[in-house]
Amino acid sequence: MAIITRYPFLTQARVEAASFLAVFRQGRLVRSGRGIAAWFATGGPTSLVEIPADDRDHVLNVSATTADFQTVSALGLATWRAVDPVLLAGRIDFTVEPKTGQHRGEPIAQVESLIDGLVASAVERFVAARTVAQLLDEGIGALLAAVEREFAMTGRLAAIGIEIAGIRLTDLSPAPELVRALRQPTIEKLQQGADEATFARRAAAVEKEAAIAENETRAKIRLEDERGRLIAKERDNELARAHIAQETARIEAEGEAHVREIQSLAAAAALATSSEAEARALERTDAVRLATEQARAEIAKGLPPVVTLAHALETGLAAAKIGTLNLGPDAVGLIGQTFAKAVAGKT
């Protein structure tokens, strides 16, 4: 918007650097430029034209029908600029009210409406030749390329002094109900993939749990094996200790038995030696006794029977310690005969 400063007889119109100001007097251009200020007589025959000299962004929202009678919408942004402001001012009314500095009409909307029409025409031709599936398969890039080609071929904007700096299309979507219908197979596929991933995750979890349980079981088995080997080792040690104790006891018993045997042998040897000595002594005693008896017998042979009998009686009475001796008839007769023979022999 132009800045208007009013004085008693003169008025000043000034625009920013992003705007182009053209001053016409009686239909003739007297001054023009970007960011300039112009003086003119208040109430005189002066016309002011302000044209934007910067790049302007215009939002695009275009709908079209596909070959299978489905409605699609395209969203984007078109950037345009006035490359020939004076030419543009001659084709579209950018006149500014001298009192307020505002445009009398809506020239910017006219330019953007023209751009919308050109974009809509290019989009409709591209979309109408394709089905929704083909359109979605080709994507927004193919549509953008077709629109750019359309603008490059047309000269309508250049003819009024406008240049398109760039067009960007960011979205191409069917009607909401069609979008839901088209998304359903993809959603089902994604859901199926998600379910498969869930199942796979569960299966992996089950496998991991099984592996963990198997590892725990193996660990328990190894622990039990170690415990069994420890118990067996302890049993072997106990058996070894018992065997050693038994062997020690056996050795000690054998030693004691051997000692006892030696002692027994020594005692037996001593006893045998003593018995042998006693036997020898008895033999010598018996020999002496026998010799004495033989000597006595020899002596007795030479003695009279009476002496022998008397000696026998004396010996018998002394040995038997008889207080009273009773003799029978036979004994008395024998004694008498003996004495008689003795007496007769002496005679």
Protein backbone atom coordinates (compact mmCIF):
# COMPACT_ATOMS: atom_id res chain seq x y z
CA MET A 1 0.00 0.00 0.00
CA ALA A 2 1.29 3.44 -0.95
CA ILE A 3 1.91 5.95 1.83
CA ILE A 4 0.06 9.23 1.09
CA THR A 5 1.09 12.47 2.78
CA ARG A 6 -1.22 15.42 2.15
CA TYR A 7 -0.25 19.08 2.27
CA PRO A 8 -2.32 22.22 1.54
CA PHE A 9 -1.58 22.26 -2.17
CA LEU A 10 0.66 19.19 -2.72
CA THR A 11 0.44 15.49 -1.96
CA GLN A 12 3.31 13.02 -1.65
CA ALA A 13 2.97 9.31 -2.59
CA ARG A 14 5.70 7.00 -1.41
CA VAL A 15 6.09 3.21 -1.72
CA GLU A 16 8.39 0.69 -0.12
CA ALA A 17 11.32 -0.89 -1.93
CA ALA A 18 9.27 -4.03 -2.59
CA SER A 19 6.72 -2.05 -4.64
CA PHE A 20 6.83 -0.31 -8.02
CA LEU A 21 5.18 3.13 -8.31
CA ALA A 22 4.09 4.65 -11.64
CA VAL A 23 2.75 8.20 -11.87
CA PHE A 24 0.51 9.06 -14.78
CA ARG A 25 -0.65 12.58 -15.59
CA GLN A 26 -3.38 12.95 -18.14
CA GLY A 27 -2.78 9.36 -19.26
CA ARG A 28 0.93 9.86 -19.76
CA LEU A 29 3.64 8.20 -17.63
CA VAL A 30 5.67 10.91 -15.96
CA ARG A 31 7.57 8.99 -13.27
CA SER A 32 8.11 5.34 -12.27
CA GLY A 33 10.42 3.21 -10.17
CA ARG A 34 10.82 0.94 -7.12
CA GLY A 35 10.61 2.52 -3.68
CA ILE A 36 10.29 6.09 -4.99
CA ALA A 37 8.30 9.08 -3.79
CA ALA A 38 6.33 11.38 -6.08
CA TRP A 39 4.75 14.77 -5.59
CA PHE A 40 1.59 15.78 -7.32
CA ALA A 41 -1.00 18.55 -7.02
CA THR A 42 -3.81 17.77 -4.69
CA GLY A 43 -6.98 17.26 -6.68
CA GLY A 44 -5.07 17.40 -10.00
CA PRO A 45 -5.24 14.97 -12.97
CA THR A 46 -2.68 12.55 -11.54
CA SER A 47 -3.12 8.76 -11.41
CA LEU A 48 -1.01 6.48 -9.22
CA VAL A 49 -0.28 2.83 -9.97
CA GLU A 50 1.38 0.54 -7.39
CA ILE A 51 2.53 -2.91 -8.50
CA PRO A 52 4.28 -5.46 -6.23
CA ALA A 53 7.89 -5.87 -7.30
CA ASP A 54 8.73 -8.80 -5.03
CA ASP A 55 8.02 -12.51 -5.45
CA ARG A 56 4.52 -13.49 -4.37
CA ASP A 57 3.47 -16.99 -3.21
CA HIS A 58 0.03 -18.21 -4.15
CA VAL A 59 -1.54 -21.31 -2.62
CA LEU A 60 -2.89 -23.80 -5.15
CA ASN A 61 -5.86 -26.04 -4.48
CA VAL A 62 -7.11 -27.74 -7.62
CA SER A 63 -9.62 -30.58 -8.05
CA ALA A 64 -10.07 -32.78 -11.14
CA THR A 65 -11.88 -35.94 -12.24
CA THR A 66 -10.00 -39.04 -13.33
CA ALA A 67 -10.85 -41.35 -16.22
CA ASP A 68 -12.74 -43.65 -13.85
CA PHE A 69 -14.82 -40.70 -12.56
CA GLN A 70 -13.05 -40.25 -9.26
CA THR A 71 -12.28 -36.82 -7.83
CA VAL A 72 -8.74 -36.01 -6.82
CA SER A 73 -7.28 -32.86 -5.29
CA ALA A 74 -3.85 -31.32 -5.72
CA LEU A 75 -2.28 -28.89 -3.28
CA GLY A 76 0.73 -26.72 -3.98
CA LEU A 77 2.29 -23.31 -4.18
CA ALA A 78 2.97 -21.03 -7.18
CA THR A 79 5.51 -18.18 -6.98
CA TRP A 80 5.09 -15.29 -9.43
CA ARG A 81 6.60 -11.87 -10.00
CA ALA A 82 5.93 -8.80 -12.17
CA VAL A 83 8.81 -8.61 -14.66
CA ASP A 84 7.22 -5.69 -16.58
CA PRO A 85 5.18 -3.62 -14.12
CA VAL A 86 4.15 -0.99 -16.64
CA LEU A 87 2.86 -3.68 -19.02
CA LEU A 88 1.04 -5.40 -16.15
CA ALA A 89 -0.50 -2.08 -15.08
CA GLY A 90 -1.80 -1.65 -18.64
CA ARG A 91 -3.48 -5.10 -18.57
CA ILE A 92 -4.75 -5.25 -14.99
CA ASP A 93 -5.91 -2.26 -12.98
CA PHE A 94 -3.41 -1.54 -10.17
CA THR A 95 -4.62 2.04 -9.68
CA VAL A 96 -4.18 3.45 -6.17
CA GLU A 97 -6.65 5.85 -4.55
CA PRO A 98 -4.72 9.16 -4.10
CA LYS A 99 -6.39 9.88 -0.78
CA THR A 100 -5.92 6.52 0.92
CA GLY A 101 -3.11 4.81 -0.99
CA GLN A 102 -5.10 1.58 -1.42
CA HIS A 103 -5.92 -0.20 -4.66
CA ARG A 104 -9.31 0.60 -6.03
CA GLY A 105 -9.89 -3.02 -7.05
CA GLU A 106 -8.29 -6.39 -6.30
CA PRO A 107 -5.57 -6.75 -8.93
CA ILE A 108 -3.58 -9.34 -6.94
CA ALA A 109 -6.64 -11.61 -6.80
CA GLN A 110 -7.06 -11.23 -10.59
CA VAL A 111 -3.47 -12.36 -11.18
CA GLU A 112 -3.81 -15.30 -8.83
CA SER A 113 -7.15 -16.25 -10.40
CA LEU A 114 -5.43 -16.33 -13.78
CA ILE A 115 -2.69 -18.57 -12.36
CA ASP A 116 -5.35 -20.84 -10.78
CA GLY A 117 -7.08 -21.20 -14.13
CA LEU A 118 -3.87 -22.17 -15.93
CA VAL A 119 -2.90 -24.68 -13.21
CA ALA A 120 -6.41 -26.15 -13.12
CA SER A 121 -6.43 -26.58 -16.90
CA ALA A 122 -3.08 -28.42 -16.86
CA VAL A 123 -4.13 -30.62 -13.93
CA GLU A 124 -7.49 -31.50 -15.47
CA ARG A 125 -5.93 -32.57 -18.77
CA PHE A 126 -3.35 -34.72 -17.00
CA VAL A 127 -5.80 -36.31 -14.56
CA ALA A 128 -8.59 -36.93 -17.06
CA ALA A 129 -6.34 -39.23 -19.11
CA ARG A 130 -5.59 -41.53 -16.18
CA THR A 131 -7.36 -43.69 -13.64
CA VAL A 132 -6.90 -43.21 -9.93
CA ALA A 133 -4.62 -46.21 -9.70
CA GLN A 134 -2.43 -44.94 -12.56
CA LEU A 135 -2.37 -41.46 -11.08
CA LEU A 136 -1.33 -42.70 -7.68
CA ASP A 137 1.25 -45.02 -9.19
CA GLU A 138 2.84 -42.17 -11.16
CA GLY A 139 2.76 -39.89 -8.14
CA ILE A 140 2.83 -36.14 -7.70
CA GLY A 141 6.07 -35.76 -9.65
CA ALA A 142 4.50 -36.69 -12.97
CA LEU A 143 1.66 -34.22 -12.39
CA LEU A 144 4.10 -31.43 -11.50
CA ALA A 145 6.14 -32.09 -14.64
CA ALA A 146 2.97 -31.86 -16.75
CA VAL A 147 1.96 -28.53 -15.13
CA GLU A 148 5.46 -27.07 -15.65
CA ARG A 149 5.39 -28.11 -19.30
CA GLU A 150 1.98 -26.46 -19.67
CA PHE A 151 3.25 -23.16 -18.21
CA ALA A 152 6.37 -23.27 -20.37
CA MET A 153 4.25 -23.66 -23.50
CA THR A 154 1.72 -20.93 -22.69
CA GLY A 155 2.48 -17.25 -23.19
CA ARG A 156 -0.53 -15.75 -21.45
CA LEU A 157 1.37 -14.71 -18.33
CA ALA A 158 4.36 -13.35 -20.25
CA ALA A 159 1.97 -11.34 -22.40
CA ILE A 160 0.85 -9.34 -19.35
CA GLY A 161 4.31 -9.00 -17.81
CA ILE A 162 4.15 -11.85 -15.25
CA GLU A 163 6.72 -14.60 -14.77
CA ILE A 164 6.24 -17.86 -12.83
CA ALA A 165 9.28 -18.32 -10.61
CA GLY A 166 8.31 -21.81 -9.56
CA ILE A 167 5.49 -24.27 -8.93
CA ARG A 168 5.49 -26.85 -6.17
CA LEU A 169 2.85 -29.56 -5.71
CA THR A 170 2.96 -31.25 -2.34
CA ASP A 171 -0.12 -33.44 -2.20
CA LEU A 172 -2.32 -35.46 -4.54
CA SER A 173 -5.20 -37.22 -2.85
CA PRO A 174 -8.56 -38.70 -3.89
CA ALA A 175 -11.83 -38.09 -2.09
CA PRO A 176 -11.86 -39.11 1.59
CA GLU A 177 -14.12 -42.14 1.05
CA LEU A 178 -11.95 -43.26 -1.87
CA VAL A 179 -8.85 -42.75 0.20
CA ARG A 180 -10.27 -45.01 2.87
CA ALA A 181 -11.17 -47.61 0.24
CA LEU A 182 -7.72 -47.40 -1.34
CA ARG A 183 -5.98 -47.48 1.99
CA GLN A 184 -7.86 -50.54 3.16
CA PRO A 185 -5.78 -53.14 1.23
CA THR A 186 -2.62 -51.42 2.32
CA ILE A 187 -3.89 -51.22 5.88
CA GLU A 188 -4.83 -54.90 5.74
CA LYS A 189 -1.42 -55.76 4.33
CA LEU A 190 0.32 -53.66 6.93
CA GLN A 191 -1.88 -55.16 9.63
CA GLN A 192 -1.05 -58.62 8.33
CA GLY A 193 2.61 -57.71 8.38
CA ALA A 194 2.21 -56.35 11.89
CA ASP A 195 0.42 -59.53 12.95
CA GLU A 196 3.14 -61.63 11.37
CA ALA A 197 5.74 -59.52 13.12
CA THR A 198 3.83 -59.97 16.38
CA PHE A 199 3.61 -63.72 15.82
CA ALA A 200 7.26 -63.84 14.86
CA ARG A 201 8.14 -61.81 17.96
CA ARG A 202 6.05 -64.14 20.10
CA ALA A 203 7.62 -67.17 18.43
CA ALA A 204 11.05 -65.67 18.97
CA ALA A 205 10.13 -64.97 22.58
CA VAL A 206 8.92 -68.55 23.00
CA GLU A 207 12.12 -69.83 21.38
CA LYS A 208 14.18 -67.60 23.64
CA GLU A 209 12.23 -68.78 26.67
CA ALA A 210 12.71 -72.36 25.53
CA ALA A 211 16.41 -71.70 25.01
CA ILE A 212 16.63 -70.10 28.44
CA ALA A 213 14.77 -73.03 29.99
CA GLU A 214 17.03 -75.44 28.11
CA ASN A 215 20.10 -73.58 29.30
CA GLU A 216 18.74 -73.63 32.85
CA THR A 217 18.05 -77.36 32.51
CA ARG A 218 21.54 -77.94 31.14
CA ALA A 219 22.97 -75.88 33.97
CA LYS A 220 20.98 -77.92 36.48
CA ILE A 221 22.13 -81.13 34.80
CA ARG A 222 25.73 -79.95 34.90
CA LEU A 223 25.26 -78.97 38.53
CA GLU A 224 23.75 -82.36 39.33
CA ASP A 225 26.56 -84.06 37.42
CA GLU A 226 29.11 -82.06 39.37
CA ARG A 227 27.26 -82.88 42.57
CA GLY A 228 27.19 -86.58 41.61
CA ARG A 229 30.88 -86.53 40.81
CA LEU A 230 31.52 -84.76 44.11
CA ILE A 231 29.47 -87.36 45.99
CA ALA A 232 31.25 -90.16 44.12
CA LYS A 233 34.58 -88.52 44.88
CA GLU A 234 33.62 -88.21 48.55
CA ARG A 235 32.52 -91.87 48.54
CA ASP A 236 35.78 -92.89 46.92
CA ASN A 237 37.65 -90.82 49.48
CA GLU A 238 35.68 -92.46 52.28
CA LEU A 239 36.33 -95.87 50.80
CA ALA A 240 39.97 -95.02 50.40
CA ARG A 241 40.15 -93.80 53.99
CA ALA A 242 38.30 -96.94 55.16
CA HIS A 243 40.62 -99.09 53.04
CA ILE A 244 43.62 -97.29 54.47
CA ALA A 245 42.24 -97.69 58.00
CA GLN A 246 41.48 -101.36 57.33
CA GLU A 247 44.90 -101.88 55.83
CA THR A 248 46.46 -100.06 58.77
CA ALA A 249 44.45 -102.17 61.21
CA ARG A 250 45.39 -105.31 59.27
CA ILE A 251 49.04 -104.33 59.33
CA GLU A 252 48.82 -103.51 63.02
CA ALA A 253 46.96 -106.80 63.66
CA GLU A 254 49.50 -108.69 61.60
CA GLY A 255 52.26 -106.92 63.48
CA GLU A 256 50.68 -107.74 66.80
CA ALA A 257 50.04 -111.31 65.68
CA HIS A 258 53.60 -111.56 64.47
CA VAL A 259 54.80 -110.18 67.79
CA ARG A 260 52.55 -112.60 69.65
CA GLU A 261 53.76 -115.39 67.41
CA ILE A 262 57.35 -114.46 68.09
CA GLN A 263 56.56 -114.23 71.78
CA SER A 264 54.72 -117.58 71.60
CA LEU A 265 57.59 -119.09 69.69
CA ALA A 266 60.00 -117.69 72.24
CA ALA A 267 57.84 -118.93 75.11
CA ALA A 268 57.45 -122.29 73.41
CA ALA A 269 61.16 -122.41 72.76
CA ALA A 270 61.80 -121.48 76.36
CA LEU A 271 59.26 -124.03 77.53
CA ALA A 272 60.72 -126.64 75.22
CA THR A 273 64.17 -125.81 76.49
CA SER A 274 62.93 -126.06 80.10
CA SER A 275 61.04 -129.29 79.38
CA GLU A 276 64.02 -130.70 77.64
CA ALA A 277 66.21 -129.78 80.58
CA GLU A 278 63.66 -131.28 82.97
CA ALA A 279 63.45 -134.37 80.81
CA ARG A 280 67.17 -134.64 80.76
CA ALA A 281 67.28 -134.12 84.51
CA LEU A 282 64.57 -136.76 84.97
CA GLU A 283 66.44 -139.05 82.64
CA ARG A 284 69.58 -138.55 84.68
CA THR A 285 67.62 -138.96 87.91
CA ASP A 286 65.92 -142.07 86.59
CA ALA A 287 69.26 -143.36 85.39
CA VAL A 288 70.77 -142.78 88.80
CA ARG A 289 67.71 -144.28 90.45
CA LEU A 290 67.80 -147.21 88.09
CA ALA A 291 71.49 -147.71 88.70
CA THR A 292 70.83 -147.50 92.42
CA GLU A 293 68.03 -150.00 92.17
CA GLN A 294 70.14 -152.27 90.04
CA ALA A 295 72.88 -151.98 92.56
CA ARG A 296 70.42 -152.71 95.32
CA ALA A 297 69.08 -155.65 93.34
CA GLU A 298 72.54 -156.97 92.87
CA ILE A 299 73.18 -156.54 96.57
CA ALA A 300 69.82 -158.10 97.40
CA LYS A 301 70.70 -161.13 95.32
CA GLY A 302 73.61 -161.81 97.59
CA LEU A 303 71.66 -161.26 100.83
CA PRO A 304 69.64 -163.89 102.58
CA PRO A 305 65.91 -163.92 101.92
CA VAL A 306 65.23 -163.00 105.52
CA VAL A 307 67.13 -159.81 105.15
CA THR A 308 65.39 -159.04 101.93
CA LEU A 309 62.06 -159.70 103.46
CA ALA A 310 62.84 -157.62 106.48
CA HIS A 311 63.99 -154.82 104.35
CA ALA A 312 60.89 -155.03 102.26
CA LEU A 313 58.72 -154.93 105.34
CA GLU A 314 60.63 -152.03 106.69
CA THR A 315 60.38 -150.12 103.49
CA GLY A 316 56.73 -150.89 103.02
CA LEU A 317 55.84 -149.99 106.56
CA ALA A 318 57.77 -146.75 106.35
CA ALA A 319 56.21 -145.82 103.06
CA ALA A 320 52.67 -146.72 104.01
CA LYS A 321 52.90 -145.30 107.51
CA ILE A 322 51.06 -148.31 108.89
CA GLY A 323 50.28 -148.20 112.61
CA THR A 324 48.98 -151.75 112.86
CA LEU A 325 49.93 -154.59 110.48
CA ASN A 326 47.58 -157.55 110.17
CA LEU A 327 49.09 -160.58 108.43
CA GLY A 328 47.05 -163.43 107.06
CA PRO A 329 47.88 -167.09 107.30
CA ASP A 330 49.46 -167.21 103.95
CA ALA A 331 51.73 -164.30 104.70
CA VAL A 332 52.66 -165.71 108.02
CA GLY A 333 53.32 -169.11 106.44
CA LEU A 334 55.46 -167.51 103.76
CA ILE A 335 57.41 -165.55 106.33
CA GLY A 336 57.86 -168.69 108.40
CA GLN A 337 59.13 -170.67 105.45
CA THR A 338 61.50 -167.91 104.64
CA PHE A 339 62.89 -167.76 108.11
CA ALA A 340 63.13 -171.52 108.20
CA LYS A 341 65.11 -171.64 105.02
CA ALA A 342 67.33 -168.90 106.35
CA VAL A 343 67.98 -170.76 109.55
CA ALA A 344 68.51 -173.98 107.72
CA GLY A 345 70.94 -172.42 105.43
CA LYS A 346 73.02 -171.05 108.26
CA THR A 347 73.11 -174.48 109.85
